[in-house]
Protein backbone atom coordinates (compact mmCIF):
# COMPACT_ATOMS: atom_id res chain seq x y z
CA MET A 1 122.74 166.94 -96.83
CA PRO A 2 124.32 168.41 -94.04
CA ALA A 3 127.90 169.16 -95.08
CA ASP A 4 129.29 167.48 -91.89
CA ALA A 5 128.19 164.02 -93.11
CA PHE A 6 131.35 163.55 -94.97
CA ALA A 7 133.32 164.61 -91.92
CA VAL A 8 131.44 162.11 -89.97
CA LEU A 9 132.17 159.27 -92.53
CA ALA A 10 135.80 160.34 -92.91
CA GLU A 11 136.79 158.68 -89.66
CA PRO A 12 137.85 154.99 -90.53
CA THR A 13 136.35 153.39 -87.26
CA ARG A 14 133.00 154.82 -87.93
CA ARG A 15 133.21 153.36 -91.52
CA ARG A 16 133.98 149.96 -90.08
CA ILE A 17 131.21 150.26 -87.80
CA LEU A 18 128.79 151.07 -90.56
CA ASP A 19 130.26 148.03 -92.48
CA VAL A 20 129.46 145.78 -89.58
CA LEU A 21 126.03 147.12 -89.24
CA ARG A 22 125.33 146.78 -93.02
CA THR A 23 124.85 143.12 -92.75
CA ASP A 24 122.99 143.06 -89.30
CA GLU A 25 122.20 145.01 -86.13
CA ALA A 26 124.74 144.80 -83.40
CA SER A 27 125.01 145.56 -79.66
CA VAL A 28 127.94 147.77 -78.47
CA ASN A 29 129.79 144.53 -77.30
CA GLU A 30 129.56 142.96 -80.63
CA LEU A 31 130.67 146.03 -82.31
CA VAL A 32 133.76 146.27 -80.01
CA ALA A 33 134.80 142.75 -80.98
CA ALA A 34 134.06 143.41 -84.48
CA VAL A 35 135.97 146.60 -85.18
CA ALA A 36 138.79 145.75 -82.41
CA VAL A 37 138.45 149.19 -80.70
CA SER A 38 137.86 149.95 -76.94
CA GLN A 39 134.23 150.06 -75.67
CA PRO A 40 134.42 153.68 -74.72
CA ALA A 41 135.92 154.63 -78.39
CA VAL A 42 133.28 152.51 -79.90
CA SER A 43 130.38 154.22 -77.80
CA LYS A 44 131.83 157.72 -78.65
CA HIS A 45 131.68 156.79 -82.30
CA LEU A 46 128.36 155.45 -82.15
CA LYS A 47 127.10 158.77 -80.65
CA VAL A 48 128.67 160.72 -83.47
CA LEU A 49 127.09 158.49 -85.81
CA ARG A 50 123.81 158.56 -84.08
CA GLU A 51 123.63 162.38 -83.79
CA ALA A 52 124.39 162.59 -87.64
CA GLY A 53 121.78 160.05 -88.54
CA PHE A 54 123.75 157.19 -89.68
CA VAL A 55 122.54 154.69 -86.86
CA THR A 56 119.51 154.13 -84.83
CA VAL A 57 119.41 152.57 -81.43
CA ARG A 58 116.94 150.67 -79.37
CA THR A 59 117.37 149.03 -75.82
CA VAL A 60 116.64 145.22 -75.34
CA ARG A 61 116.77 144.38 -71.63
CA GLN A 62 120.07 145.94 -70.58
CA GLN A 63 121.72 146.19 -74.23
CA ARG A 64 121.52 148.73 -76.86
CA ILE A 65 121.10 147.56 -80.33
CA TYR A 66 122.32 149.62 -83.18
CA ALA A 67 121.27 149.41 -86.94
CA ILE A 68 121.82 151.48 -89.89
CA ASP A 69 119.60 154.22 -90.67
CA THR A 70 119.63 154.60 -94.31
CA ARG A 71 118.01 158.08 -94.69
CA GLU A 72 121.26 160.04 -94.56
CA LEU A 73 122.98 157.54 -96.58
CA ARG A 74 120.21 158.08 -99.22
CA ARG A 75 121.00 161.82 -98.98
CA ILE A 76 124.48 161.29 -99.76
CA ASP A 77 123.76 159.03 -102.60
CA ALA A 78 121.26 161.57 -104.25
CA TRP A 79 123.89 164.29 -103.83
CA LEU A 80 126.50 162.05 -105.51
CA GLU A 81 124.14 161.16 -108.43
CA PRO A 82 125.13 164.02 -110.66
CA TYR A 83 128.90 163.34 -110.18
CA ARG A 84 128.13 159.41 -110.86
CA ARG A 85 126.43 160.45 -114.18
CA LEU A 86 129.61 162.68 -115.09
CA TRP A 87 131.84 159.93 -114.43
CA THR A 88 129.72 157.48 -116.13
CA ARG A 89 129.61 159.49 -119.29
CA HIS A 90 133.33 159.94 -119.23
CA LEU A 91 133.97 156.12 -118.76
CA ASP A 92 131.49 155.43 -121.56
CA ALA A 93 133.46 157.75 -123.90
CA LEU A 94 136.57 155.80 -122.99
CA GLU A 95 135.18 152.54 -123.50
CA ARG A 96 134.02 153.80 -126.81
CA HIS A 97 137.62 155.07 -127.65
CA LEU A 98 139.17 151.66 -126.54
CA ASP A 99 136.90 149.64 -128.64
CA ARG A 100 137.61 151.90 -131.66
CA ALA A 101 141.55 151.64 -131.05
CA GLY A 102 141.29 147.92 -130.47
CA ALA A 103 139.20 147.34 -133.66
CA LYS A 104 141.74 149.41 -135.55
CA GLN A 105 144.70 147.38 -134.47
CA ARG A 106 142.80 144.11 -135.06
CA SER A 107 142.21 145.20 -138.69
CA ASP A 108 145.82 146.53 -139.20
CA ALA A 109 147.05 143.21 -137.85
CA THR A 110 144.99 141.31 -140.43
CA GLU A 111 146.07 143.31 -143.48
CA PRO A 112 148.64 141.54 -145.64
CA PRO A 113 152.04 143.21 -145.84
CA GLY A 114 152.67 145.94 -148.59
CA VAL A 115 148.99 146.85 -148.66
């Protein structure tokens, strides 16, 4: 995974563009309306996303239609997987601890006084 993938995704407007494209492909004008940014700014962000491998473009008549290219996102997901497993282990351990603490509190609450 290229190190600059996170730099590309760090920009909030680019993430908003990807959020729009997550549900369906869109033209530049549709993206301009959806993210409320000027057309030149959207075009610059789309160029960065395209060069980084996050979106594809095709031409229909005189419009450029953009869609998500999931390959780079899959690479990021694969890179994150070991960290996800680490957090899952920690969260599972926390859940077990809280379950034991809750069970102890319930059993302490049901014991008669003076026992």
